[in-house]
Amino acid sequence: MAKSVNCATLLGNVGKDPEIRALPSGTKVANFSLATTERYKDQQGNWQDRTEWHNLVAYARLADVTEKYVKKGTQLYVEGKIETHSWDDRKSGEKRYQTQIRVDELVLLGGTGTGSGQPQTRTTQAGGADDWDDFR
């Protein structure tokens, strides 16, 4: 069987304050969005921005770090895996889909206000709970 890779690397700004929840097991979960912006020149030579929004989910220790340090506007470097979940909408009965990035590594950028220019925190997570049904 051929080897495959599922890896997402993002650098962007948080769109709104993270939602923090807990699974029945007690594992903390953080859901938040990240905006990445591509800058390009249009046919007339004018600069244009195109923003893409990404749904992110962080578990356990990374959810703790997210809860404590991440707010709307925070610049982040994120590495993770792309996941797509599907479910049947309770009202319409239609099949719904959501694609998200499961965060494996999170680096808070922008410094601590001390002028050092160094990232505030670097945290890596290996594993964690995933119980998508708890959030429908």
N, C-alpha and C. Protein backbone atom coordinates (compact mmCIF):
# COMPACT_ATOMS: atom_id res chain seq x y z
N MET A 1 0.84 -1.17 0.00
CA MET A 1 0.00 0.00 0.00
C MET A 1 0.89 1.24 0.00
N ALA A 2 0.49 2.25 -0.75
CA ALA A 2 1.26 3.49 -0.84
C ALA A 2 1.12 4.29 0.44
N LYS A 3 2.18 4.96 0.78
CA LYS A 3 2.18 5.83 1.96
C LYS A 3 1.40 7.10 1.64
N SER A 4 0.72 7.65 2.63
CA SER A 4 0.00 8.90 2.42
C SER A 4 0.33 9.88 3.55
N VAL A 5 0.04 11.15 3.32
CA VAL A 5 0.35 12.20 4.28
C VAL A 5 -0.88 13.08 4.45
N ASN A 6 -1.21 13.40 5.68
CA ASN A 6 -2.29 14.32 5.99
C ASN A 6 -1.71 15.36 6.94
N CYS A 7 -1.29 16.49 6.39
CA CYS A 7 -0.62 17.51 7.18
C CYS A 7 -1.07 18.89 6.72
N ALA A 8 -1.47 19.73 7.67
CA ALA A 8 -1.83 21.11 7.38
C ALA A 8 -0.91 22.01 8.18
N THR A 9 -0.39 23.05 7.53
CA THR A 9 0.44 24.05 8.17
C THR A 9 -0.18 25.40 7.89
N LEU A 10 -0.51 26.13 8.94
CA LEU A 10 -1.19 27.41 8.79
C LEU A 10 -0.50 28.49 9.62
N LEU A 11 -0.51 29.70 9.11
CA LEU A 11 -0.05 30.88 9.83
C LEU A 11 -1.10 31.94 9.60
N GLY A 12 -1.78 32.35 10.66
CA GLY A 12 -2.86 33.31 10.49
C GLY A 12 -3.31 33.90 11.80
N ASN A 13 -4.48 34.56 11.75
CA ASN A 13 -5.01 35.24 12.92
C ASN A 13 -6.34 34.61 13.34
N VAL A 14 -6.53 34.51 14.65
CA VAL A 14 -7.74 33.94 15.21
C VAL A 14 -8.92 34.88 14.94
N GLY A 15 -10.04 34.31 14.48
CA GLY A 15 -11.19 35.11 14.08
C GLY A 15 -12.10 35.51 15.22
N LYS A 16 -12.22 34.68 16.25
CA LYS A 16 -13.04 35.01 17.42
C LYS A 16 -12.50 34.23 18.61
N ASP A 17 -12.87 34.65 19.80
CA ASP A 17 -12.40 33.95 20.99
C ASP A 17 -12.78 32.47 20.92
N PRO A 18 -11.87 31.58 21.32
CA PRO A 18 -12.14 30.13 21.26
C PRO A 18 -13.31 29.73 22.17
N GLU A 19 -14.04 28.70 21.74
CA GLU A 19 -15.06 28.06 22.58
C GLU A 19 -14.37 26.90 23.30
N ILE A 20 -14.51 26.86 24.61
CA ILE A 20 -13.89 25.80 25.39
C ILE A 20 -15.01 24.93 25.96
N ARG A 21 -14.87 23.61 25.77
CA ARG A 21 -15.84 22.64 26.27
C ARG A 21 -15.09 21.46 26.86
N ALA A 22 -15.85 20.56 27.44
CA ALA A 22 -15.25 19.33 27.96
C ALA A 22 -16.04 18.14 27.45
N LEU A 23 -15.33 17.09 27.08
CA LEU A 23 -15.95 15.83 26.71
C LEU A 23 -16.47 15.15 27.98
N PRO A 24 -17.38 14.17 27.86
CA PRO A 24 -17.84 13.43 29.05
C PRO A 24 -16.68 12.82 29.84
N SER A 25 -15.59 12.51 29.15
CA SER A 25 -14.41 11.94 29.83
C SER A 25 -13.66 12.98 30.65
N GLY A 26 -14.01 14.27 30.46
CA GLY A 26 -13.32 15.35 31.17
C GLY A 26 -12.24 16.02 30.34
N THR A 27 -11.92 15.46 29.17
CA THR A 27 -10.91 16.05 28.30
C THR A 27 -11.40 17.39 27.78
N LYS A 28 -10.57 18.42 27.91
CA LYS A 28 -10.93 19.75 27.45
C LYS A 28 -10.75 19.84 25.94
N VAL A 29 -11.67 20.60 25.28
CA VAL A 29 -11.64 20.79 23.83
C VAL A 29 -11.80 22.27 23.54
N ALA A 30 -10.98 22.79 22.64
CA ALA A 30 -11.08 24.19 22.20
C ALA A 30 -11.41 24.20 20.71
N ASN A 31 -12.46 24.94 20.34
CA ASN A 31 -12.83 25.14 18.94
C ASN A 31 -12.66 26.61 18.62
N PHE A 32 -11.99 26.90 17.50
CA PHE A 32 -11.80 28.29 17.10
C PHE A 32 -11.52 28.35 15.61
N SER A 33 -11.55 29.56 15.05
CA SER A 33 -11.31 29.73 13.62
C SER A 33 -10.03 30.53 13.42
N LEU A 34 -9.38 30.26 12.29
CA LEU A 34 -8.14 30.95 11.93
C LEU A 34 -8.28 31.46 10.50
N ALA A 35 -7.92 32.70 10.30
CA ALA A 35 -7.97 33.31 8.96
C ALA A 35 -6.56 33.36 8.38
N THR A 36 -6.43 32.88 7.15
CA THR A 36 -5.18 33.04 6.41
C THR A 36 -5.49 33.92 5.19
N THR A 37 -4.58 34.81 4.87
CA THR A 37 -4.83 35.75 3.79
C THR A 37 -3.73 35.65 2.74
N GLU A 38 -4.17 35.55 1.49
CA GLU A 38 -3.26 35.50 0.33
C GLU A 38 -3.35 36.86 -0.35
N ARG A 39 -2.23 37.43 -0.68
CA ARG A 39 -2.19 38.73 -1.37
C ARG A 39 -1.70 38.49 -2.80
N TYR A 40 -2.42 39.06 -3.75
CA TYR A 40 -2.08 38.88 -5.16
C TYR A 40 -2.43 40.13 -5.95
N LYS A 41 -1.87 40.24 -7.15
CA LYS A 41 -2.21 41.35 -8.04
C LYS A 41 -3.28 40.88 -9.03
N ASP A 42 -4.33 41.69 -9.20
CA ASP A 42 -5.37 41.36 -10.16
C ASP A 42 -4.92 41.74 -11.57
N GLN A 43 -5.78 41.56 -12.55
CA GLN A 43 -5.42 41.82 -13.95
C GLN A 43 -5.10 43.29 -14.21
N GLN A 44 -5.63 44.18 -13.38
CA GLN A 44 -5.36 45.61 -13.53
C GLN A 44 -4.10 46.04 -12.77
N GLY A 45 -3.44 45.10 -12.09
CA GLY A 45 -2.22 45.40 -11.36
C GLY A 45 -2.46 45.90 -9.95
N ASN A 46 -3.71 45.83 -9.47
CA ASN A 46 -4.03 46.26 -8.11
C ASN A 46 -3.88 45.10 -7.14
N TRP A 47 -3.39 45.40 -5.94
CA TRP A 47 -3.25 44.36 -4.92
C TRP A 47 -4.62 44.00 -4.36
N GLN A 48 -4.86 42.70 -4.24
CA GLN A 48 -6.11 42.17 -3.69
C GLN A 48 -5.77 41.17 -2.58
N ASP A 49 -6.64 41.09 -1.60
CA ASP A 49 -6.49 40.10 -0.53
C ASP A 49 -7.61 39.08 -0.63
N ARG A 50 -7.26 37.81 -0.43
CA ARG A 50 -8.25 36.73 -0.40
C ARG A 50 -8.06 35.99 0.92
N THR A 51 -9.10 36.01 1.74
CA THR A 51 -9.03 35.39 3.07
C THR A 51 -9.76 34.06 3.07
N GLU A 52 -9.11 33.06 3.64
CA GLU A 52 -9.68 31.73 3.79
C GLU A 52 -9.83 31.47 5.29
N TRP A 53 -10.98 30.94 5.71
CA TRP A 53 -11.23 30.64 7.11
C TRP A 53 -11.11 29.15 7.36
N HIS A 54 -10.45 28.79 8.45
CA HIS A 54 -10.21 27.40 8.81
C HIS A 54 -10.78 27.13 10.20
N ASN A 55 -11.50 26.03 10.35
CA ASN A 55 -12.00 25.59 11.66
C ASN A 55 -10.93 24.74 12.31
N LEU A 56 -10.58 25.07 13.57
CA LEU A 56 -9.56 24.34 14.29
C LEU A 56 -10.14 23.74 15.56
N VAL A 57 -9.60 22.58 15.95
CA VAL A 57 -9.97 21.95 17.22
C VAL A 57 -8.69 21.49 17.91
N ALA A 58 -8.59 21.81 19.20
CA ALA A 58 -7.44 21.41 20.01
C ALA A 58 -7.94 20.66 21.23
N TYR A 59 -7.23 19.61 21.62
CA TYR A 59 -7.62 18.78 22.74
C TYR A 59 -6.59 18.86 23.87
N ALA A 60 -7.06 18.52 25.07
CA ALA A 60 -6.23 18.30 26.25
C ALA A 60 -5.31 19.50 26.53
N ARG A 61 -4.00 19.28 26.58
CA ARG A 61 -3.05 20.35 26.94
C ARG A 61 -3.12 21.52 25.98
N LEU A 62 -3.27 21.24 24.69
CA LEU A 62 -3.38 22.35 23.73
C LEU A 62 -4.66 23.15 23.93
N ALA A 63 -5.72 22.50 24.39
CA ALA A 63 -6.95 23.24 24.71
C ALA A 63 -6.71 24.14 25.92
N ASP A 64 -5.92 23.66 26.90
CA ASP A 64 -5.57 24.49 28.06
C ASP A 64 -4.78 25.73 27.63
N VAL A 65 -3.79 25.53 26.76
CA VAL A 65 -2.99 26.65 26.27
C VAL A 65 -3.87 27.62 25.49
N THR A 66 -4.75 27.07 24.65
CA THR A 66 -5.66 27.90 23.87
C THR A 66 -6.55 28.73 24.78
N GLU A 67 -7.11 28.10 25.79
CA GLU A 67 -8.01 28.81 26.71
C GLU A 67 -7.29 29.96 27.41
N LYS A 68 -6.05 29.74 27.78
CA LYS A 68 -5.30 30.72 28.57
C LYS A 68 -4.73 31.86 27.73
N TYR A 69 -4.26 31.57 26.51
CA TYR A 69 -3.48 32.55 25.76
C TYR A 69 -4.09 33.03 24.44
N VAL A 70 -5.04 32.29 23.88
CA VAL A 70 -5.53 32.61 22.53
C VAL A 70 -6.81 33.42 22.62
N LYS A 71 -6.83 34.54 21.89
CA LYS A 71 -8.01 35.41 21.82
C LYS A 71 -8.19 35.84 20.38
N LYS A 72 -9.31 36.48 20.10
CA LYS A 72 -9.55 37.04 18.78
C LYS A 72 -8.36 37.94 18.41
N GLY A 73 -7.84 37.74 17.19
CA GLY A 73 -6.73 38.55 16.71
C GLY A 73 -5.35 37.97 16.96
N THR A 74 -5.23 36.96 17.85
CA THR A 74 -3.94 36.34 18.13
C THR A 74 -3.36 35.73 16.86
N GLN A 75 -2.08 35.98 16.59
CA GLN A 75 -1.43 35.37 15.44
C GLN A 75 -0.86 34.02 15.87
N LEU A 76 -1.17 32.97 15.09
CA LEU A 76 -0.75 31.61 15.42
C LEU A 76 -0.08 30.92 14.24
N TYR A 77 0.85 30.05 14.57
CA TYR A 77 1.39 29.07 13.63
C TYR A 77 0.84 27.73 14.11
N VAL A 78 0.20 27.00 13.22
CA VAL A 78 -0.46 25.74 13.59
C VAL A 78 -0.05 24.64 12.64
N GLU A 79 0.20 23.46 13.20
CA GLU A 79 0.37 22.25 12.41
C GLU A 79 -0.68 21.26 12.89
N GLY A 80 -1.25 20.52 11.94
CA GLY A 80 -2.26 19.54 12.33
C GLY A 80 -2.67 18.66 11.18
N LYS A 81 -3.76 17.95 11.42
CA LYS A 81 -4.31 17.02 10.43
C LYS A 81 -5.67 17.52 9.97
N ILE A 82 -5.99 17.29 8.71
CA ILE A 82 -7.29 17.66 8.17
C ILE A 82 -8.27 16.52 8.45
N GLU A 83 -9.41 16.88 9.05
CA GLU A 83 -10.45 15.90 9.35
C GLU A 83 -11.78 16.42 8.79
N THR A 84 -12.57 15.52 8.26
CA THR A 84 -13.92 15.87 7.81
C THR A 84 -14.90 14.96 8.53
N HIS A 85 -15.91 15.58 9.14
CA HIS A 85 -16.94 14.86 9.86
C HIS A 85 -18.27 15.06 9.15
N SER A 86 -19.12 14.05 9.22
CA SER A 86 -20.45 14.17 8.63
C SER A 86 -21.49 13.72 9.65
N TRP A 87 -22.68 14.27 9.52
CA TRP A 87 -23.80 13.91 10.37
C TRP A 87 -25.09 14.26 9.65
N ASP A 88 -26.18 13.67 10.13
CA ASP A 88 -27.50 13.98 9.60
C ASP A 88 -28.10 15.11 10.42
N ASP A 89 -28.49 16.20 9.74
CA ASP A 89 -29.09 17.35 10.40
C ASP A 89 -30.39 16.90 11.07
N ARG A 90 -30.56 17.24 12.34
CA ARG A 90 -31.75 16.81 13.09
C ARG A 90 -33.03 17.43 12.58
N LYS A 91 -32.95 18.67 12.07
CA LYS A 91 -34.15 19.36 11.60
C LYS A 91 -34.53 18.96 10.18
N SER A 92 -33.56 19.04 9.27
CA SER A 92 -33.87 18.81 7.86
C SER A 92 -33.63 17.36 7.42
N GLY A 93 -32.83 16.62 8.17
CA GLY A 93 -32.50 15.26 7.79
C GLY A 93 -31.40 15.19 6.73
N GLU A 94 -30.91 16.35 6.28
CA GLU A 94 -29.85 16.39 5.26
C GLU A 94 -28.50 16.01 5.85
N LYS A 95 -27.65 15.47 4.99
CA LYS A 95 -26.28 15.13 5.38
C LYS A 95 -25.48 16.43 5.46
N ARG A 96 -24.79 16.67 6.57
CA ARG A 96 -23.96 17.86 6.76
C ARG A 96 -22.51 17.42 6.92
N TYR A 97 -21.61 18.33 6.51
CA TYR A 97 -20.19 18.05 6.58
C TYR A 97 -19.47 19.25 7.20
N GLN A 98 -18.40 18.96 7.94
CA GLN A 98 -17.52 20.02 8.41
C GLN A 98 -16.09 19.52 8.31
N THR A 99 -15.25 20.35 7.72
CA THR A 99 -13.82 20.06 7.64
C THR A 99 -13.12 20.94 8.66
N GLN A 100 -12.20 20.34 9.40
CA GLN A 100 -11.48 21.08 10.42
C GLN A 100 -10.03 20.62 10.47
N ILE A 101 -9.23 21.39 11.16
CA ILE A 101 -7.83 21.04 11.40
C ILE A 101 -7.72 20.61 12.86
N ARG A 102 -7.27 19.38 13.08
CA ARG A 102 -7.01 18.90 14.44
C ARG A 102 -5.58 19.32 14.78
N VAL A 103 -5.46 20.23 15.73
CA VAL A 103 -4.17 20.85 16.04
C VAL A 103 -3.25 19.86 16.75
N ASP A 104 -2.04 19.70 16.20
CA ASP A 104 -1.01 18.88 16.83
C ASP A 104 0.08 19.76 17.43
N GLU A 105 0.30 20.92 16.84
CA GLU A 105 1.31 21.86 17.34
C GLU A 105 0.77 23.26 17.19
N LEU A 106 1.06 24.08 18.20
CA LEU A 106 0.55 25.44 18.24
C LEU A 106 1.66 26.36 18.72
N VAL A 107 1.94 27.41 17.95
CA VAL A 107 2.94 28.40 18.36
C VAL A 107 2.26 29.76 18.38
N LEU A 108 2.27 30.39 19.55
CA LEU A 108 1.73 31.74 19.70
C LEU A 108 2.78 32.71 19.21
N LEU A 109 2.41 33.59 18.28
CA LEU A 109 3.35 34.55 17.72
C LEU A 109 3.02 35.95 18.20
N GLY A 110 3.91 36.88 17.93
CA GLY A 110 3.64 38.27 18.28
C GLY A 110 4.37 38.73 19.51
N GLY A 111 5.14 37.87 20.16
CA GLY A 111 5.92 38.28 21.32
C GLY A 111 5.08 38.43 22.57
N THR A 112 5.75 38.71 23.67
CA THR A 112 5.12 38.84 24.97
C THR A 112 4.95 40.28 25.38
N GLY A 113 5.28 41.19 24.51
CA GLY A 113 5.23 42.60 24.87
C GLY A 113 6.55 43.09 25.42
N THR A 114 7.55 42.20 25.53
CA THR A 114 8.86 42.59 26.05
C THR A 114 9.80 43.03 24.95
N GLY A 115 9.35 42.89 23.70
CA GLY A 115 10.19 43.29 22.57
C GLY A 115 11.19 42.24 22.17
N SER A 116 11.10 41.04 22.72
CA SER A 116 12.06 39.99 22.39
C SER A 116 11.85 39.44 21.00
N GLY A 117 10.62 39.52 20.49
CA GLY A 117 10.33 39.00 19.17
C GLY A 117 10.24 37.49 19.11
N GLN A 118 10.37 36.83 20.26
CA GLN A 118 10.31 35.38 20.31
C GLN A 118 8.88 34.90 20.52
N PRO A 119 8.54 33.72 20.02
CA PRO A 119 7.20 33.18 20.27
C PRO A 119 6.96 33.05 21.77
N GLN A 120 5.70 33.25 22.19
CA GLN A 120 5.37 33.16 23.61
C GLN A 120 5.41 31.71 24.10
N THR A 121 4.81 30.81 23.35
CA THR A 121 4.66 29.43 23.81
C THR A 121 4.75 28.50 22.62
N ARG A 122 5.36 27.36 22.83
CA ARG A 122 5.38 26.32 21.81
C ARG A 122 4.97 25.04 22.49
N THR A 123 3.91 24.43 22.01
CA THR A 123 3.36 23.24 22.65
C THR A 123 3.04 22.20 21.60
N THR A 124 3.36 20.95 21.89
CA THR A 124 3.05 19.86 20.98
C THR A 124 2.14 18.87 21.69
N GLN A 125 1.17 18.36 20.95
CA GLN A 125 0.25 17.37 21.50
C GLN A 125 0.35 16.11 20.66
N ALA A 126 0.46 15.00 21.31
CA ALA A 126 0.40 13.71 20.61
C ALA A 126 -0.80 12.96 21.13
N GLY A 127 -1.77 12.74 20.27
CA GLY A 127 -2.96 11.99 20.67
C GLY A 127 -4.02 12.89 21.28
N GLY A 128 -4.97 12.29 21.96
CA GLY A 128 -6.07 13.04 22.56
C GLY A 128 -7.38 12.39 22.18
N ALA A 129 -8.43 12.80 22.85
CA ALA A 129 -9.75 12.22 22.62
C ALA A 129 -10.40 12.87 21.41
N ASP A 130 -11.29 12.12 20.78
CA ASP A 130 -12.07 12.67 19.69
C ASP A 130 -13.45 12.03 19.75
N ASP A 131 -14.43 12.80 20.19
CA ASP A 131 -15.79 12.30 20.26
C ASP A 131 -16.70 13.34 19.64
N TRP A 132 -16.75 13.34 18.30
CA TRP A 132 -17.44 14.37 17.54
C TRP A 132 -18.92 14.45 17.92
N ASP A 133 -19.54 13.34 18.29
CA ASP A 133 -20.97 13.31 18.59
C ASP A 133 -21.33 14.22 19.77
N ASP A 134 -20.40 14.52 20.65
CA ASP A 134 -20.69 15.36 21.80
C ASP A 134 -20.95 16.81 21.43
N PHE A 135 -20.67 17.21 20.19
CA PHE A 135 -20.77 18.61 19.81
C PHE A 135 -21.91 18.87 18.84
N ARG A 136 -22.80 17.91 18.65
CA ARG A 136 -23.96 18.11 17.77
C ARG A 136 -25.18 18.37 18.59
